[in-house]
Amino acid sequence: MRWDRARRSDNVEFDNGGGGGPRFGGGRGLGLGGIVILAILGLVFFKDPTALLSQVDTGSAPPTRSTTPVDTSNPQVDFVRAILGDTEDEWGQIFAARGGHYDPPKLTLFTGRVNTACGAATAAVGPFYCPGDRHVYLDLAFFQELQDRFHASGDFARAYVIAHEVGHHVQNLLGVFAKVDQARRRGATLQGADGLSVRQELQADCLAGVWANHAEQRNHWLDPGDLENALNAASQIGDDTLQRESRGEVMPDSFTHGTSAQRVHWFKAGFDSGAVGSCNTFAGPV
């Protein structure tokens, strides 16, 4: 993948840590910024969303953070800036073509632990997006784990990880998060093979594919095998694959992200079509 062709984003920062425990829902219990984030925290680590409470500080103090500019000489940082920059360009054009405006997210790099508007999270939850502050959070050590633990190597596999989280930001801008929260309040189920969390995650996969389609058309940056690397990454992090490896059995009732086949299908659906309209994972079977 010739990612050096992309424009570098200025929306990448490094979190130095800070005191205070961020709150969920303004101290009134888990609101949209909390309930939904529990369903999406951790791109690849299979966890029961409610179990993530043990990884999240739900104290009542407001978030305190200290950020600094990133080291632009670091090749991994340069890669992140390039991919985020291209998502800004592609989604900016897609939104403009639809008569809208794309307000890009910030991407915060951290080490070990980070405070967010959705709670204080550790690197154990993997990359995630917080709708409360519209930030993508990433510990760069995850890229090595993606290769070592999940056998998903290659630049395009790593780009898929970032694009998936940016896909959550696109959902937020389009009102998907609010609609999911409204449905949850009406009694719809988050977890499970047909739950809202799975549908939301698969849509983010599809939106990542939409970005990849437009990026390739403009940059012509994919080499032979790159698409296969991204599809392999999607396959390696399906709920069924992760459960089988960690538990020795598959429990569809606890799915949060979708099966390997579903994740591959929806990323490819977005990549093949390049159309946001192809990503309606909330209609019909997934």
C-alpha atoms as a PDB file:
ATOM      1  CA  MET A   1       0.000   0.000   0.000  1.00  0.00           C
ATOM      2  CA  ARG A   2       1.525   3.289  -1.102  1.00  0.00           C
ATOM      3  CA  TRP A   3       0.079   5.316   1.731  1.00  0.00           C
ATOM      4  CA  ASP A   4       2.776   7.964   1.358  1.00  0.00           C
ATOM      5  CA  ARG A   5       0.565   9.465  -1.363  1.00  0.00           C
ATOM      6  CA  ALA A   6      -1.976  10.655   1.202  1.00  0.00           C
ATOM      7  CA  ARG A   7      -2.227  14.079   2.788  1.00  0.00           C
ATOM      8  CA  ARG A   8      -1.253  14.122   6.466  1.00  0.00           C
ATOM      9  CA  SER A   9      -3.931  15.103   8.944  1.00  0.00           C
ATOM     10  CA  ASP A  10      -3.338  17.752  11.594  1.00  0.00           C
ATOM     11  CA  ASN A  11      -6.030  16.172  13.787  1.00  0.00           C
ATOM     12  CA  VAL A  12      -3.741  13.617  15.460  1.00  0.00           C
ATOM     13  CA  GLU A  13      -2.580  14.286  19.013  1.00  0.00           C
ATOM     14  CA  PHE A  14      -0.866  12.403  21.815  1.00  0.00           C
ATOM     15  CA  ASP A  15      -2.458  12.050  25.243  1.00  0.00           C
ATOM     16  CA  ASN A  16      -0.056  12.430  28.156  1.00  0.00           C
ATOM     17  CA  GLY A  17      -2.583  11.198  30.701  1.00  0.00           C
ATOM     18  CA  GLY A  18      -4.205  13.202  33.446  1.00  0.00           C
ATOM     19  CA  GLY A  19      -6.060  13.001  36.698  1.00  0.00           C
ATOM     20  CA  GLY A  20      -9.757  12.604  37.271  1.00  0.00           C
ATOM     21  CA  GLY A  21     -12.148   9.962  36.117  1.00  0.00           C
ATOM     22  CA  PRO A  22     -14.355  10.890  33.182  1.00  0.00           C
ATOM     23  CA  ARG A  23     -18.035  10.401  33.739  1.00  0.00           C
ATOM     24  CA  PHE A  24     -20.768   8.634  31.840  1.00  0.00           C
ATOM     25  CA  GLY A  25     -23.949  10.567  31.104  1.00  0.00           C
ATOM     26  CA  GLY A  26     -23.028  13.545  33.235  1.00  0.00           C
ATOM     27  CA  GLY A  27     -23.126  11.484  36.424  1.00  0.00           C
ATOM     28  CA  ARG A  28     -26.739  10.503  35.861  1.00  0.00           C
ATOM     29  CA  GLY A  29     -26.070   6.926  34.812  1.00  0.00           C
ATOM     30  CA  LEU A  30     -25.079   5.622  31.393  1.00  0.00           C
ATOM     31  CA  GLY A  31     -26.355   7.886  28.626  1.00  0.00           C
ATOM     32  CA  LEU A  32     -25.722   7.830  24.872  1.00  0.00           C
ATOM     33  CA  GLY A  33     -22.037   8.514  25.404  1.00  0.00           C
ATOM     34  CA  GLY A  34     -21.828   5.547  27.763  1.00  0.00           C
ATOM     35  CA  ILE A  35     -24.326   2.832  26.873  1.00  0.00           C
ATOM     36  CA  VAL A  36     -23.458   2.786  23.187  1.00  0.00           C
ATOM     37  CA  ILE A  37     -19.720   2.997  23.778  1.00  0.00           C
ATOM     38  CA  LEU A  38     -19.894  -0.165  25.871  1.00  0.00           C
ATOM     39  CA  ALA A  39     -21.207  -1.945  22.811  1.00  0.00           C
ATOM     40  CA  ILE A  40     -18.376  -0.776  20.578  1.00  0.00           C
ATOM     41  CA  LEU A  41     -15.342  -0.502  22.856  1.00  0.00           C
ATOM     42  CA  GLY A  42     -12.653  -2.788  21.547  1.00  0.00           C
ATOM     43  CA  LEU A  43     -12.535  -3.418  17.842  1.00  0.00           C
ATOM     44  CA  VAL A  44     -11.143  -6.879  18.145  1.00  0.00           C
ATOM     45  CA  PHE A  45     -11.120  -8.009  21.766  1.00  0.00           C
ATOM     46  CA  PHE A  46     -14.206 -10.102  22.365  1.00  0.00           C
ATOM     47  CA  LYS A  47     -15.859  -8.936  25.537  1.00  0.00           C
ATOM     48  CA  ASP A  48     -19.337  -8.863  26.987  1.00  0.00           C
ATOM     49  CA  PRO A  49     -20.144  -5.115  26.825  1.00  0.00           C
ATOM     50  CA  THR A  50     -21.240  -5.121  30.449  1.00  0.00           C
ATOM     51  CA  ALA A  51     -17.924  -6.702  31.415  1.00  0.00           C
ATOM     52  CA  LEU A  52     -16.174  -3.654  30.005  1.00  0.00           C
ATOM     53  CA  LEU A  53     -17.374  -1.747  33.040  1.00  0.00           C
ATOM     54  CA  SER A  54     -14.403  -3.268  34.850  1.00  0.00           C
ATOM     55  CA  GLN A  55     -12.125  -1.612  32.289  1.00  0.00           C
ATOM     56  CA  VAL A  56     -13.829   1.772  32.516  1.00  0.00           C
ATOM     57  CA  ASP A  57     -13.657   4.352  35.271  1.00  0.00           C
ATOM     58  CA  THR A  58     -17.192   5.608  35.869  1.00  0.00           C
ATOM     59  CA  GLY A  59     -16.305   8.193  38.481  1.00  0.00           C
ATOM     60  CA  SER A  60     -18.253  11.424  38.611  1.00  0.00           C
ATOM     61  CA  ALA A  61     -15.355  13.829  38.068  1.00  0.00           C
ATOM     62  CA  PRO A  62     -15.126  15.547  34.658  1.00  0.00           C
ATOM     63  CA  PRO A  63     -12.382  14.334  32.314  1.00  0.00           C
ATOM     64  CA  THR A  64      -8.931  15.840  32.668  1.00  0.00           C
ATOM     65  CA  ARG A  65      -6.540  15.425  29.777  1.00  0.00           C
ATOM     66  CA  SER A  66      -3.165  16.713  28.715  1.00  0.00           C
ATOM     67  CA  THR A  67      -2.252  16.462  25.058  1.00  0.00           C
ATOM     68  CA  THR A  68       0.853  17.318  23.062  1.00  0.00           C
ATOM     69  CA  PRO A  69       1.692  17.358  19.350  1.00  0.00           C
ATOM     70  CA  VAL A  70       2.692  13.984  17.958  1.00  0.00           C
ATOM     71  CA  ASP A  71       6.186  13.019  16.893  1.00  0.00           C
ATOM     72  CA  THR A  72       5.869  13.423  13.132  1.00  0.00           C
ATOM     73  CA  SER A  73       9.217  11.670  12.603  1.00  0.00           C
ATOM     74  CA  ASN A  74       7.753   8.404  13.929  1.00  0.00           C
ATOM     75  CA  PRO A  75       6.832   6.204  10.912  1.00  0.00           C
ATOM     76  CA  GLN A  76       3.777   4.759  12.691  1.00  0.00           C
ATOM     77  CA  VAL A  77       2.519   8.240  13.548  1.00  0.00           C
ATOM     78  CA  ASP A  78       3.138   9.319   9.962  1.00  0.00           C
ATOM     79  CA  PHE A  79       1.052   6.352   8.795  1.00  0.00           C
ATOM     80  CA  VAL A  80      -1.817   7.233  11.126  1.00  0.00           C
ATOM     81  CA  ARG A  81      -1.740  10.864   9.989  1.00  0.00           C
ATOM     82  CA  ALA A  82      -1.775   9.757   6.347  1.00  0.00           C
ATOM     83  CA  ILE A  83      -4.731   7.402   6.713  1.00  0.00           C
ATOM     84  CA  LEU A  84      -6.729   9.848   8.835  1.00  0.00           C
ATOM     85  CA  GLY A  85      -5.930  12.620   6.362  1.00  0.00           C
ATOM     86  CA  ASP A  86      -7.294  10.562   3.523  1.00  0.00           C
ATOM     87  CA  THR A  87     -10.468   9.686   5.424  1.00  0.00           C
ATOM     88  CA  GLU A  88     -10.958  13.426   5.908  1.00  0.00           C
ATOM     89  CA  ASP A  89     -10.568  14.067   2.188  1.00  0.00           C
ATOM     90  CA  GLU A  90     -12.764  11.174   1.019  1.00  0.00           C
ATOM     91  CA  TRP A  91     -15.568  11.691   3.523  1.00  0.00           C
ATOM     92  CA  GLY A  92     -15.426  15.428   2.914  1.00  0.00           C
ATOM     93  CA  GLN A  93     -16.151  14.815  -0.768  1.00  0.00           C
ATOM     94  CA  ILE A  94     -18.818  12.191  -0.036  1.00  0.00           C
ATOM     95  CA  PHE A  95     -20.664  14.471   2.377  1.00  0.00           C
ATOM     96  CA  ALA A  96     -20.365  17.429  -0.009  1.00  0.00           C
ATOM     97  CA  ALA A  97     -21.850  15.358  -2.842  1.00  0.00           C
ATOM     98  CA  ARG A  98     -24.805  14.644  -0.557  1.00  0.00           C
ATOM     99  CA  GLY A  99     -25.217  18.326   0.241  1.00  0.00           C
ATOM    100  CA  GLY A 100     -23.682  18.068   3.700  1.00  0.00           C
ATOM    101  CA  HIS A 101     -20.540  19.004   5.584  1.00  0.00           C
ATOM    102  CA  TYR A 102     -18.071  16.580   7.089  1.00  0.00           C
ATOM    103  CA  ASP A 103     -16.641  17.591  10.448  1.00  0.00           C
ATOM    104  CA  PRO A 104     -13.663  15.221  10.962  1.00  0.00           C
ATOM    105  CA  PRO A 105     -12.858  13.554  14.272  1.00  0.00           C
ATOM    106  CA  LYS A 106      -9.714  13.976  16.298  1.00  0.00           C
ATOM    107  CA  LEU A 107      -7.523  10.916  16.672  1.00  0.00           C
ATOM    108  CA  THR A 108      -5.817  10.590  20.042  1.00  0.00           C
ATOM    109  CA  LEU A 109      -2.815   8.317  20.424  1.00  0.00           C
ATOM    110  CA  PHE A 110      -2.184   7.071  23.934  1.00  0.00           C
ATOM    111  CA  THR A 111      -0.136   4.568  25.881  1.00  0.00           C
ATOM    112  CA  GLY A 112      -1.744   2.183  28.342  1.00  0.00           C
ATOM    113  CA  ARG A 113      -4.668   4.257  29.574  1.00  0.00           C
ATOM    114  CA  VAL A 114      -6.652   7.274  28.455  1.00  0.00           C
ATOM    115  CA  ASN A 115      -9.426   9.524  29.766  1.00  0.00           C
ATOM    116  CA  THR A 116     -12.330  10.192  27.426  1.00  0.00           C
ATOM    117  CA  ALA A 117     -15.814  11.684  27.564  1.00  0.00           C
ATOM    118  CA  CYS A 118     -17.056   8.082  27.544  1.00  0.00           C
ATOM    119  CA  GLY A 119     -14.910   6.939  30.438  1.00  0.00           C
ATOM    120  CA  ALA A 120     -11.319   6.126  31.283  1.00  0.00           C
ATOM    121  CA  ALA A 121     -10.264   3.142  29.191  1.00  0.00           C
ATOM    122  CA  THR A 122      -7.177   0.969  29.047  1.00  0.00           C
ATOM    123  CA  ALA A 123      -5.394  -0.269  25.952  1.00  0.00           C
ATOM    124  CA  ALA A 124      -6.963  -3.682  26.619  1.00  0.00           C
ATOM    125  CA  VAL A 125     -10.197  -2.575  24.964  1.00  0.00           C
ATOM    126  CA  GLY A 126      -8.413  -1.948  21.664  1.00  0.00           C
ATOM    127  CA  PRO A 127      -9.021   1.007  19.321  1.00  0.00           C
ATOM    128  CA  PHE A 128     -12.352   2.729  19.879  1.00  0.00           C
ATOM    129  CA  TYR A 129     -14.466   5.758  19.069  1.00  0.00           C
ATOM    130  CA  CYS A 130     -16.142   7.904  21.705  1.00  0.00           C
ATOM    131  CA  PRO A 131     -19.266   9.705  20.466  1.00  0.00           C
ATOM    132  CA  GLY A 132     -19.202  11.961  23.530  1.00  0.00           C
ATOM    133  CA  ASP A 133     -16.073  13.837  22.418  1.00  0.00           C
ATOM    134  CA  ARG A 134     -15.921  12.688  18.777  1.00  0.00           C
ATOM    135  CA  HIS A 135     -12.441  11.245  19.165  1.00  0.00           C
ATOM    136  CA  VAL A 136     -10.902   8.041  17.869  1.00  0.00           C
ATOM    137  CA  TYR A 137      -8.531   6.507  20.425  1.00  0.00           C
ATOM    138  CA  LEU A 138      -5.603   4.278  19.495  1.00  0.00           C
ATOM    139  CA  ASP A 139      -2.633   2.790  21.320  1.00  0.00           C
ATOM    140  CA  LEU A 140      -0.027   2.186  18.607  1.00  0.00           C
ATOM    141  CA  ALA A 141       1.007  -1.051  20.316  1.00  0.00           C
ATOM    142  CA  PHE A 142      -2.240  -2.471  18.962  1.00  0.00           C
ATOM    143  CA  PHE A 143      -0.793  -2.650  15.451  1.00  0.00           C
ATOM    144  CA  GLN A 144       1.811  -5.133  16.630  1.00  0.00           C
ATOM    145  CA  GLU A 145      -0.858  -7.165  18.384  1.00  0.00           C
ATOM    146  CA  LEU A 146      -2.941  -7.104  15.216  1.00  0.00           C
ATOM    147  CA  GLN A 147      -0.067  -8.844  13.478  1.00  0.00           C
ATOM    148  CA  ASP A 148       1.113 -11.147  16.262  1.00  0.00           C
ATOM    149  CA  ARG A 149      -2.143 -12.233  17.880  1.00  0.00           C
ATOM    150  CA  PHE A 150      -4.600 -11.926  15.023  1.00  0.00           C
ATOM    151  CA  HIS A 151      -2.267 -12.749  12.127  1.00  0.00           C
ATOM    152  CA  ALA A 152      -3.470  -9.692  10.227  1.00  0.00           C
ATOM    153  CA  SER A 153      -0.471  -7.983   8.672  1.00  0.00           C
ATOM    154  CA  GLY A 154      -0.007  -5.278   6.084  1.00  0.00           C
ATOM    155  CA  ASP A 155      -0.607  -1.542   5.902  1.00  0.00           C
ATOM    156  CA  PHE A 156      -4.106  -1.900   4.475  1.00  0.00           C
ATOM    157  CA  ALA A 157      -5.137  -4.100   7.406  1.00  0.00           C
ATOM    158  CA  ARG A 158      -4.004  -1.333   9.759  1.00  0.00           C
ATOM    159  CA  ALA A 159      -5.741   1.259   7.614  1.00  0.00           C
ATOM    160  CA  TYR A 160      -8.955  -0.774   7.907  1.00  0.00           C
ATOM    161  CA  VAL A 161      -8.750  -0.501  11.706  1.00  0.00           C
ATOM    162  CA  ILE A 162      -8.598   3.297  11.537  1.00  0.00           C
ATOM    163  CA  ALA A 163     -11.254   3.491   8.831  1.00  0.00           C
ATOM    164  CA  HIS A 164     -13.614   1.329  10.912  1.00  0.00           C
ATOM    165  CA  GLU A 165     -13.398   3.739  13.839  1.00  0.00           C
ATOM    166  CA  VAL A 166     -13.831   6.712  11.520  1.00  0.00           C
ATOM    167  CA  GLY A 167     -16.880   4.851  10.216  1.00  0.00           C
ATOM    168  CA  HIS A 168     -18.334   5.144  13.724  1.00  0.00           C
ATOM    169  CA  HIS A 169     -17.758   8.894  13.535  1.00  0.00           C
ATOM    170  CA  VAL A 170     -19.617   9.007  10.224  1.00  0.00           C
ATOM    171  CA  GLN A 171     -22.466   7.118  11.903  1.00  0.00           C
ATOM    172  CA  ASN A 172     -22.468   9.687  14.676  1.00  0.00           C
ATOM    173  CA  LEU A 173     -22.708  12.562  12.185  1.00  0.00           C
ATOM    174  CA  LEU A 174     -25.523  10.795  10.323  1.00  0.00           C
ATOM    175  CA  GLY A 175     -27.527  10.310  13.528  1.00  0.00           C
ATOM    176  CA  VAL A 176     -27.105   6.542  13.748  1.00  0.00           C
ATOM    177  CA  PHE A 177     -25.877   6.645  17.338  1.00  0.00           C
ATOM    178  CA  ALA A 178     -28.907   8.648  18.423  1.00  0.00           C
ATOM    179  CA  LYS A 179     -31.281   6.269  16.645  1.00  0.00           C
ATOM    180  CA  VAL A 180     -29.608   3.221  18.198  1.00  0.00           C
ATOM    181  CA  ASP A 181     -29.933   4.783  21.628  1.00  0.00           C
ATOM    182  CA  GLN A 182     -33.596   5.586  21.004  1.00  0.00           C
ATOM    183  CA  ALA A 183     -34.232   2.005  19.903  1.00  0.00           C
ATOM    184  CA  ARG A 184     -32.448   0.707  22.989  1.00  0.00           C
ATOM    185  CA  ARG A 185     -34.647   2.865  25.182  1.00  0.00           C
ATOM    186  CA  ARG A 186     -37.685   1.332  23.503  1.00  0.00           C
ATOM    187  CA  GLY A 187     -36.440  -2.114  24.481  1.00  0.00           C
ATOM    188  CA  ALA A 188     -34.410  -3.210  21.459  1.00  0.00           C
ATOM    189  CA  THR A 189     -31.545  -5.565  22.245  1.00  0.00           C
ATOM    190  CA  LEU A 190     -27.925  -4.467  21.956  1.00  0.00           C
ATOM    191  CA  GLN A 191     -26.198  -7.838  22.189  1.00  0.00           C
ATOM    192  CA  GLY A 192     -26.748 -10.981  20.180  1.00  0.00           C
ATOM    193  CA  ALA A 193     -26.395 -12.077  16.577  1.00  0.00           C
ATOM    194  CA  ASP A 194     -29.293  -9.843  15.522  1.00  0.00           C
ATOM    195  CA  GLY A 195     -28.658  -7.089  18.078  1.00  0.00           C
ATOM    196  CA  LEU A 196     -28.144  -3.396  17.488  1.00  0.00           C
ATOM    197  CA  SER A 197     -24.465  -3.569  18.392  1.00  0.00           C
ATOM    198  CA  VAL A 198     -23.710  -6.119  15.671  1.00  0.00           C
ATOM    199  CA  ARG A 199     -25.645  -4.101  13.096  1.00  0.00           C
ATOM    200  CA  GLN A 200     -23.861  -0.923  14.099  1.00  0.00           C
ATOM    201  CA  GLU A 201     -20.437  -2.556  13.917  1.00  0.00           C
ATOM    202  CA  LEU A 202     -21.125  -4.144  10.539  1.00  0.00           C
ATOM    203  CA  GLN A 203     -22.243  -0.787   9.196  1.00  0.00           C
ATOM    204  CA  ALA A 204     -18.942   0.720  10.346  1.00  0.00           C
ATOM    205  CA  ASP A 205     -17.169  -2.071   8.445  1.00  0.00           C
ATOM    206  CA  CYS A 206     -19.190  -1.228   5.351  1.00  0.00           C
ATOM    207  CA  LEU A 207     -18.417   2.480   5.701  1.00  0.00           C
ATOM    208  CA  ALA A 208     -14.730   1.600   5.990  1.00  0.00           C
ATOM    209  CA  GLY A 209     -15.135  -0.202   2.667  1.00  0.00           C
ATOM    210  CA  VAL A 210     -16.812   2.864   1.128  1.00  0.00           C
ATOM    211  CA  TRP A 211     -13.826   4.969   2.155  1.00  0.00           C
ATOM    212  CA  ALA A 212     -11.411   2.378   0.759  1.00  0.00           C
ATOM    213  CA  ASN A 213     -13.225   2.425  -2.596  1.00  0.00           C
ATOM    214  CA  HIS A 214     -12.996   6.199  -2.960  1.00  0.00           C
ATOM    215  CA  ALA A 215      -9.420   6.283  -1.670  1.00  0.00           C
ATOM    216  CA  GLU A 216      -8.288   3.734  -4.242  1.00  0.00           C
ATOM    217  CA  GLN A 217     -10.027   5.560  -7.075  1.00  0.00           C
ATOM    218  CA  ARG A 218      -8.234   8.794  -6.186  1.00  0.00           C
ATOM    219  CA  ASN A 219      -4.851   7.537  -4.955  1.00  0.00           C
ATOM    220  CA  HIS A 220      -4.349   4.281  -6.865  1.00  0.00           C
ATOM    221  CA  TRP A 221      -2.344   3.136  -3.872  1.00  0.00           C
ATOM    222  CA  LEU A 222      -3.276  -0.517  -3.372  1.00  0.00           C
ATOM    223  CA  ASP A 223      -0.787  -3.207  -4.312  1.00  0.00           C
ATOM    224  CA  PRO A 224      -1.638  -6.859  -5.078  1.00  0.00           C
ATOM    225  CA  GLY A 225      -2.640  -8.568  -1.851  1.00  0.00           C
ATOM    226  CA  ASP A 226      -3.626  -5.385   0.005  1.00  0.00           C
ATOM    227  CA  LEU A 227      -7.376  -5.965  -0.261  1.00  0.00           C
ATOM    228  CA  GLU A 228      -6.886  -9.559   0.848  1.00  0.00           C
ATOM    229  CA  ASN A 229      -4.986  -8.280   3.917  1.00  0.00           C
ATOM    230  CA  ALA A 230      -7.895  -6.069   4.917  1.00  0.00           C
ATOM    231  CA  LEU A 231     -10.414  -8.858   4.352  1.00  0.00           C
ATOM    232  CA  ASN A 232      -8.241 -11.184   6.408  1.00  0.00           C
ATOM    233  CA  ALA A 233      -8.195  -8.640   9.245  1.00  0.00           C
ATOM    234  CA  ALA A 234     -11.996  -8.445   9.123  1.00  0.00           C
ATOM    235  CA  SER A 235     -12.175 -12.243   9.173  1.00  0.00           C
ATOM    236  CA  GLN A 236      -9.770 -12.652  12.087  1.00  0.00           C
ATOM    237  CA  ILE A 237     -11.782 -10.375  14.369  1.00  0.00           C
ATOM    238  CA  GLY A 238     -15.249 -11.849  13.927  1.00  0.00           C
ATOM    239  CA  ASP A 239     -17.091 -12.733  17.134  1.00  0.00           C
ATOM    240  CA  ASP A 240     -17.293 -16.409  16.217  1.00  0.00           C
ATOM    241  CA  THR A 241     -13.569 -16.690  15.468  1.00  0.00           C
ATOM    242  CA  LEU A 242     -12.546 -14.855  18.629  1.00  0.00           C
ATOM    243  CA  GLN A 243     -14.930 -16.860  20.812  1.00  0.00           C
ATOM    244  CA  ARG A 244     -13.793 -20.147  19.337  1.00  0.00           C
ATOM    245  CA  GLU A 245     -10.166 -19.247  20.031  1.00  0.00           C
ATOM    246  CA  SER A 246     -10.713 -17.882  23.535  1.00  0.00           C
ATOM    247  CA  ARG A 247     -13.561 -20.101  24.815  1.00  0.00           C
ATOM    248  CA  GLY A 248     -13.561 -23.115  22.556  1.00  0.00           C
ATOM    249  CA  GLU A 249     -17.203 -22.513  21.662  1.00  0.00           C
ATOM    250  CA  VAL A 250     -19.361 -19.964  19.876  1.00  0.00           C
ATOM    251  CA  MET A 251     -22.110 -18.133  21.770  1.00  0.00           C
ATOM    252  CA  PRO A 252     -24.194 -16.053  19.311  1.00  0.00           C
ATOM    253  CA  ASP A 253     -26.264 -14.538  22.123  1.00  0.00           C
ATOM    254  CA  SER A 254     -23.185 -12.609  23.231  1.00  0.00           C
ATOM    255  CA  PHE A 255     -22.115 -11.345  19.798  1.00  0.00           C
ATOM    256  CA  THR A 256     -21.285  -7.635  19.635  1.00  0.00           C
ATOM    257  CA  HIS A 257     -19.469  -7.185  16.298  1.00  0.00           C
ATOM    258  CA  GLY A 258     -20.682  -9.900  13.928  1.00  0.00           C
ATOM    259  CA  THR A 259     -19.203 -13.090  12.555  1.00  0.00           C
ATOM    260  CA  SER A 260     -16.069 -13.257  10.451  1.00  0.00           C
ATOM    261  CA  ALA A 261     -18.145 -13.904   7.340  1.00  0.00           C
ATOM    262  CA  GLN A 262     -20.415 -10.950   8.092  1.00  0.00           C
ATOM    263  CA  ARG A 263     -17.530  -8.574   8.669  1.00  0.00           C
ATOM    264  CA  VAL A 264     -15.879  -9.608   5.410  1.00  0.00           C
ATOM    265  CA  HIS A 265     -19.205  -9.360   3.556  1.00  0.00           C
ATOM    266  CA  TRP A 266     -20.013  -5.850   4.723  1.00  0.00           C
ATOM    267  CA  PHE A 267     -16.529  -4.426   4.236  1.00  0.00           C
ATOM    268  CA  LYS A 268     -16.532  -5.848   0.721  1.00  0.00           C
ATOM    269  CA  ALA A 269     -20.055  -4.515   0.102  1.00  0.00           C
ATOM    270  CA  GLY A 270     -18.832  -1.007   0.845  1.00  0.00           C
ATOM    271  CA  PHE A 271     -15.638  -1.478  -1.131  1.00  0.00           C
ATOM    272  CA  ASP A 272     -17.390  -2.891  -4.191  1.00  0.00           C
ATOM    273  CA  SER A 273     -20.113  -0.232  -4.310  1.00  0.00           C
ATOM    274  CA  GLY A 274     -18.450   2.858  -2.884  1.00  0.00           C
ATOM    275  CA  ALA A 275     -21.938   3.950  -1.871  1.00  0.00           C
ATOM    276  CA  VAL A 276     -23.151   4.828   1.612  1.00  0.00           C
ATOM    277  CA  GLY A 277     -26.572   3.555   0.591  1.00  0.00           C
ATOM    278  CA  SER A 278     -25.203   0.022   0.380  1.00  0.00           C
ATOM    279  CA  CYS A 279     -24.486   0.044   4.118  1.00  0.00           C
ATOM    280  CA  ASN A 280     -27.978  -0.244   5.597  1.00  0.00           C
ATOM    281  CA  THR A 281     -27.228  -3.091   7.988  1.00  0.00           C
ATOM    282  CA  PHE A 282     -30.312  -2.227  10.040  1.00  0.00           C
ATOM    283  CA  ALA A 283     -32.757  -3.444   7.393  1.00  0.00           C
ATOM    284  CA  GLY A 284     -33.354  -7.163   7.052  1.00  0.00           C
ATOM    285  CA  PRO A 285     -30.977  -9.955   8.030  1.00  0.00           C
ATOM    286  CA  VAL A 286     -27.285  -9.209   8.468  1.00  0.00           C
END
